[in-house]
Amino acid sequence: MGLGAGVRALTRAAYRLVRFPFHLVDDVVLPVIFDEDAPVRRAYGQFLFDCDSAAAYLLADDTATVRATLLRRRSAALRDAIARHPSSIHTESEVVMEHHRARFRERRRATHPPGNSTTIPPR
């Protein structure tokens, strides 16, 4: 084992020790406080992914490569789930807008019968 390999192995061990609290926060603390699709959790997952990807590349760390791959898959699955299921806020607003459109069409039909000009309102 050369000097470079020894330094790299020592740095890998230090990275694993430093990453443990971040991993604990991701697995234990954040799920209690935030929903799975909360922006804070997604940003934190992206931060961990970036750290693991950098460690995998710079330190030739196989476990960091595996963790980065798992984080990328989890993130992709979450993005797909969010894209397929619109949030309830958007769904509720669409329902309200459709209700208003239906009321508008009813009033429009009552005041403007078919066949009459729509530029001059009836008297």
C-alpha atoms as a PDB file:
ATOM      1  CA  MET A   1       0.000   0.000   0.000  1.00  0.00           C
ATOM      2  CA  GLY A   2       1.535   3.265  -1.108  1.00  0.00           C
ATOM      3  CA  LEU A   3       1.290   6.631   0.569  1.00  0.00           C
ATOM      4  CA  GLY A   4      -1.550   7.793  -1.703  1.00  0.00           C
ATOM      5  CA  ALA A   5      -3.599   4.668  -1.081  1.00  0.00           C
ATOM      6  CA  GLY A   6      -3.083   4.998   2.671  1.00  0.00           C
ATOM      7  CA  VAL A   7      -4.203   8.623   2.656  1.00  0.00           C
ATOM      8  CA  ARG A   8      -7.220   7.725   0.537  1.00  0.00           C
ATOM      9  CA  ALA A   9      -8.180   4.886   2.913  1.00  0.00           C
ATOM     10  CA  LEU A  10      -7.834   7.184   5.926  1.00  0.00           C
ATOM     11  CA  THR A  11      -9.939   9.853   4.214  1.00  0.00           C
ATOM     12  CA  ARG A  12     -12.616   7.253   3.355  1.00  0.00           C
ATOM     13  CA  ALA A  13     -12.806   6.250   7.024  1.00  0.00           C
ATOM     14  CA  ALA A  14     -13.053   9.893   8.080  1.00  0.00           C
ATOM     15  CA  TYR A  15     -15.813  10.506   5.508  1.00  0.00           C
ATOM     16  CA  ARG A  16     -17.803   7.536   6.830  1.00  0.00           C
ATOM     17  CA  LEU A  17     -17.521   8.890  10.373  1.00  0.00           C
ATOM     18  CA  VAL A  18     -18.596  12.371   9.289  1.00  0.00           C
ATOM     19  CA  ARG A  19     -21.462  11.051   7.173  1.00  0.00           C
ATOM     20  CA  PHE A  20     -22.991   8.980   9.984  1.00  0.00           C
ATOM     21  CA  PRO A  21     -24.721  11.957  11.738  1.00  0.00           C
ATOM     22  CA  PHE A  22     -26.018  13.233   8.383  1.00  0.00           C
ATOM     23  CA  HIS A  23     -27.397   9.774   7.632  1.00  0.00           C
ATOM     24  CA  LEU A  24     -29.015   9.668  11.069  1.00  0.00           C
ATOM     25  CA  VAL A  25     -30.712  13.029  10.473  1.00  0.00           C
ATOM     26  CA  ASP A  26     -31.978  11.825   7.082  1.00  0.00           C
ATOM     27  CA  ASP A  27     -33.368   8.547   8.419  1.00  0.00           C
ATOM     28  CA  VAL A  28     -34.595   9.499  11.897  1.00  0.00           C
ATOM     29  CA  VAL A  29     -35.098  13.229  12.417  1.00  0.00           C
ATOM     30  CA  LEU A  30     -36.421  14.560   9.095  1.00  0.00           C
ATOM     31  CA  PRO A  31     -39.169  11.923   8.613  1.00  0.00           C
ATOM     32  CA  VAL A  32     -40.625  12.883  11.999  1.00  0.00           C
ATOM     33  CA  ILE A  33     -40.687  16.601  11.211  1.00  0.00           C
ATOM     34  CA  PHE A  34     -41.422  16.752   7.467  1.00  0.00           C
ATOM     35  CA  ASP A  35     -43.456  14.806   4.912  1.00  0.00           C
ATOM     36  CA  GLU A  36     -41.617  12.733   2.346  1.00  0.00           C
ATOM     37  CA  ASP A  37     -42.231  15.266  -0.423  1.00  0.00           C
ATOM     38  CA  ALA A  38     -41.295  18.366   1.625  1.00  0.00           C
ATOM     39  CA  PRO A  39     -38.763  20.607  -0.126  1.00  0.00           C
ATOM     40  CA  VAL A  40     -36.446  20.460   2.898  1.00  0.00           C
ATOM     41  CA  ARG A  41     -36.190  16.690   2.669  1.00  0.00           C
ATOM     42  CA  ARG A  42     -35.639  16.763  -1.064  1.00  0.00           C
ATOM     43  CA  ALA A  43     -32.909  19.393  -0.718  1.00  0.00           C
ATOM     44  CA  TYR A  44     -31.251  17.439   2.090  1.00  0.00           C
ATOM     45  CA  GLY A  45     -31.387  14.265  -0.004  1.00  0.00           C
ATOM     46  CA  GLN A  46     -29.779  16.138  -2.893  1.00  0.00           C
ATOM     47  CA  PHE A  47     -27.051  17.390  -0.535  1.00  0.00           C
ATOM     48  CA  LEU A  48     -26.330  13.827   0.625  1.00  0.00           C
ATOM     49  CA  PHE A  49     -26.347  12.611  -2.971  1.00  0.00           C
ATOM     50  CA  ASP A  50     -23.811  15.279  -3.956  1.00  0.00           C
ATOM     51  CA  CYS A  51     -21.572  14.418  -0.992  1.00  0.00           C
ATOM     52  CA  ASP A  52     -21.700  10.689  -1.717  1.00  0.00           C
ATOM     53  CA  SER A  53     -21.089  11.230  -5.419  1.00  0.00           C
ATOM     54  CA  ALA A  54     -18.048  13.394  -4.683  1.00  0.00           C
ATOM     55  CA  ALA A  55     -16.711  10.848  -2.188  1.00  0.00           C
ATOM     56  CA  ALA A  56     -17.273   8.021  -4.649  1.00  0.00           C
ATOM     57  CA  TYR A  57     -15.348   9.861  -7.339  1.00  0.00           C
ATOM     58  CA  LEU A  58     -12.555  11.445  -5.301  1.00  0.00           C
ATOM     59  CA  LEU A  59     -11.960   8.642  -2.813  1.00  0.00           C
ATOM     60  CA  ALA A  60     -12.872   5.646  -4.991  1.00  0.00           C
ATOM     61  CA  ASP A  61     -15.300   4.637  -2.259  1.00  0.00           C
ATOM     62  CA  ASP A  62     -17.584   1.784  -3.287  1.00  0.00           C
ATOM     63  CA  THR A  63     -19.994   2.229  -0.358  1.00  0.00           C
ATOM     64  CA  ALA A  64     -20.426   5.920  -1.246  1.00  0.00           C
ATOM     65  CA  THR A  65     -21.209   4.842  -4.812  1.00  0.00           C
ATOM     66  CA  VAL A  66     -23.910   2.478  -3.558  1.00  0.00           C
ATOM     67  CA  ARG A  67     -25.386   5.135  -1.237  1.00  0.00           C
ATOM     68  CA  ALA A  68     -25.393   7.724  -4.047  1.00  0.00           C
ATOM     69  CA  THR A  69     -27.171   5.264  -6.329  1.00  0.00           C
ATOM     70  CA  LEU A  70     -29.797   4.517  -3.677  1.00  0.00           C
ATOM     71  CA  LEU A  71     -30.357   8.232  -3.020  1.00  0.00           C
ATOM     72  CA  ARG A  72     -30.703   8.900  -6.747  1.00  0.00           C
ATOM     73  CA  ARG A  73     -33.287   6.111  -7.079  1.00  0.00           C
ATOM     74  CA  ARG A  74     -35.230   7.364  -4.066  1.00  0.00           C
ATOM     75  CA  SER A  75     -35.200  10.888  -5.459  1.00  0.00           C
ATOM     76  CA  ALA A  76     -36.327   9.717  -8.907  1.00  0.00           C
ATOM     77  CA  ALA A  77     -39.147   7.660  -7.414  1.00  0.00           C
ATOM     78  CA  LEU A  78     -40.302  10.629  -5.356  1.00  0.00           C
ATOM     79  CA  ARG A  79     -40.198  12.964  -8.372  1.00  0.00           C
ATOM     80  CA  ASP A  80     -42.265  10.482 -10.368  1.00  0.00           C
ATOM     81  CA  ALA A  81     -44.820  10.162  -7.573  1.00  0.00           C
ATOM     82  CA  ILE A  82     -45.133  13.938  -7.290  1.00  0.00           C
ATOM     83  CA  ALA A  83     -45.519  14.318 -11.053  1.00  0.00           C
ATOM     84  CA  ARG A  84     -48.214  11.637 -11.252  1.00  0.00           C
ATOM     85  CA  HIS A  85     -50.303  12.851  -8.326  1.00  0.00           C
ATOM     86  CA  PRO A  86     -51.053  16.564  -8.379  1.00  0.00           C
ATOM     87  CA  SER A  87     -51.237  18.187  -5.007  1.00  0.00           C
ATOM     88  CA  SER A  88     -54.616  18.572  -3.361  1.00  0.00           C
ATOM     89  CA  ILE A  89     -54.308  22.357  -3.551  1.00  0.00           C
ATOM     90  CA  HIS A  90     -54.248  22.264  -7.343  1.00  0.00           C
ATOM     91  CA  THR A  91     -57.021  19.681  -7.475  1.00  0.00           C
ATOM     92  CA  GLU A  92     -59.256  21.739  -5.186  1.00  0.00           C
ATOM     93  CA  SER A  93     -58.645  24.916  -7.171  1.00  0.00           C
ATOM     94  CA  GLU A  94     -59.509  23.101 -10.409  1.00  0.00           C
ATOM     95  CA  VAL A  95     -62.782  21.889  -8.876  1.00  0.00           C
ATOM     96  CA  VAL A  96     -63.652  25.417  -7.743  1.00  0.00           C
ATOM     97  CA  MET A  97     -62.785  26.866 -11.158  1.00  0.00           C
ATOM     98  CA  GLU A  98     -64.910  24.263 -12.940  1.00  0.00           C
ATOM     99  CA  HIS A  99     -67.829  25.140 -10.646  1.00  0.00           C
ATOM    100  CA  HIS A 100     -67.434  28.845 -11.510  1.00  0.00           C
ATOM    101  CA  ARG A 101     -67.232  28.058 -15.227  1.00  0.00           C
ATOM    102  CA  ALA A 102     -70.450  26.035 -15.049  1.00  0.00           C
ATOM    103  CA  ARG A 103     -72.255  28.889 -13.261  1.00  0.00           C
ATOM    104  CA  PHE A 104     -70.955  31.337 -15.876  1.00  0.00           C
ATOM    105  CA  ARG A 105     -72.212  29.122 -18.724  1.00  0.00           C
ATOM    106  CA  GLU A 106     -75.653  28.833 -17.085  1.00  0.00           C
ATOM    107  CA  ARG A 107     -75.999  32.600 -16.684  1.00  0.00           C
ATOM    108  CA  ARG A 108     -74.694  33.153 -20.205  1.00  0.00           C
ATOM    109  CA  ARG A 109     -77.295  30.758 -21.654  1.00  0.00           C
ATOM    110  CA  ALA A 110     -80.076  32.432 -19.637  1.00  0.00           C
ATOM    111  CA  THR A 111     -79.208  35.963 -20.777  1.00  0.00           C
ATOM    112  CA  HIS A 112     -78.026  35.167 -24.312  1.00  0.00           C
ATOM    113  CA  PRO A 113     -80.268  32.568 -25.997  1.00  0.00           C
ATOM    114  CA  PRO A 114     -78.800  30.754 -29.028  1.00  0.00           C
ATOM    115  CA  GLY A 115     -79.248  32.493 -32.330  1.00  0.00           C
ATOM    116  CA  ASN A 116     -79.175  36.035 -30.897  1.00  0.00           C
ATOM    117  CA  SER A 117     -76.243  38.377 -31.247  1.00  0.00           C
ATOM    118  CA  THR A 118     -73.971  38.300 -28.213  1.00  0.00           C
ATOM    119  CA  THR A 119     -72.690  41.840 -28.748  1.00  0.00           C
ATOM    120  CA  ILE A 120     -75.935  43.529 -27.656  1.00  0.00           C
ATOM    121  CA  PRO A 121     -77.433  42.322 -24.358  1.00  0.00           C
ATOM    122  CA  PRO A 122     -81.195  41.639 -24.300  1.00  0.00           C
ATOM    123  CA  ARG A 123     -83.508  44.324 -22.847  1.00  0.00           C
END
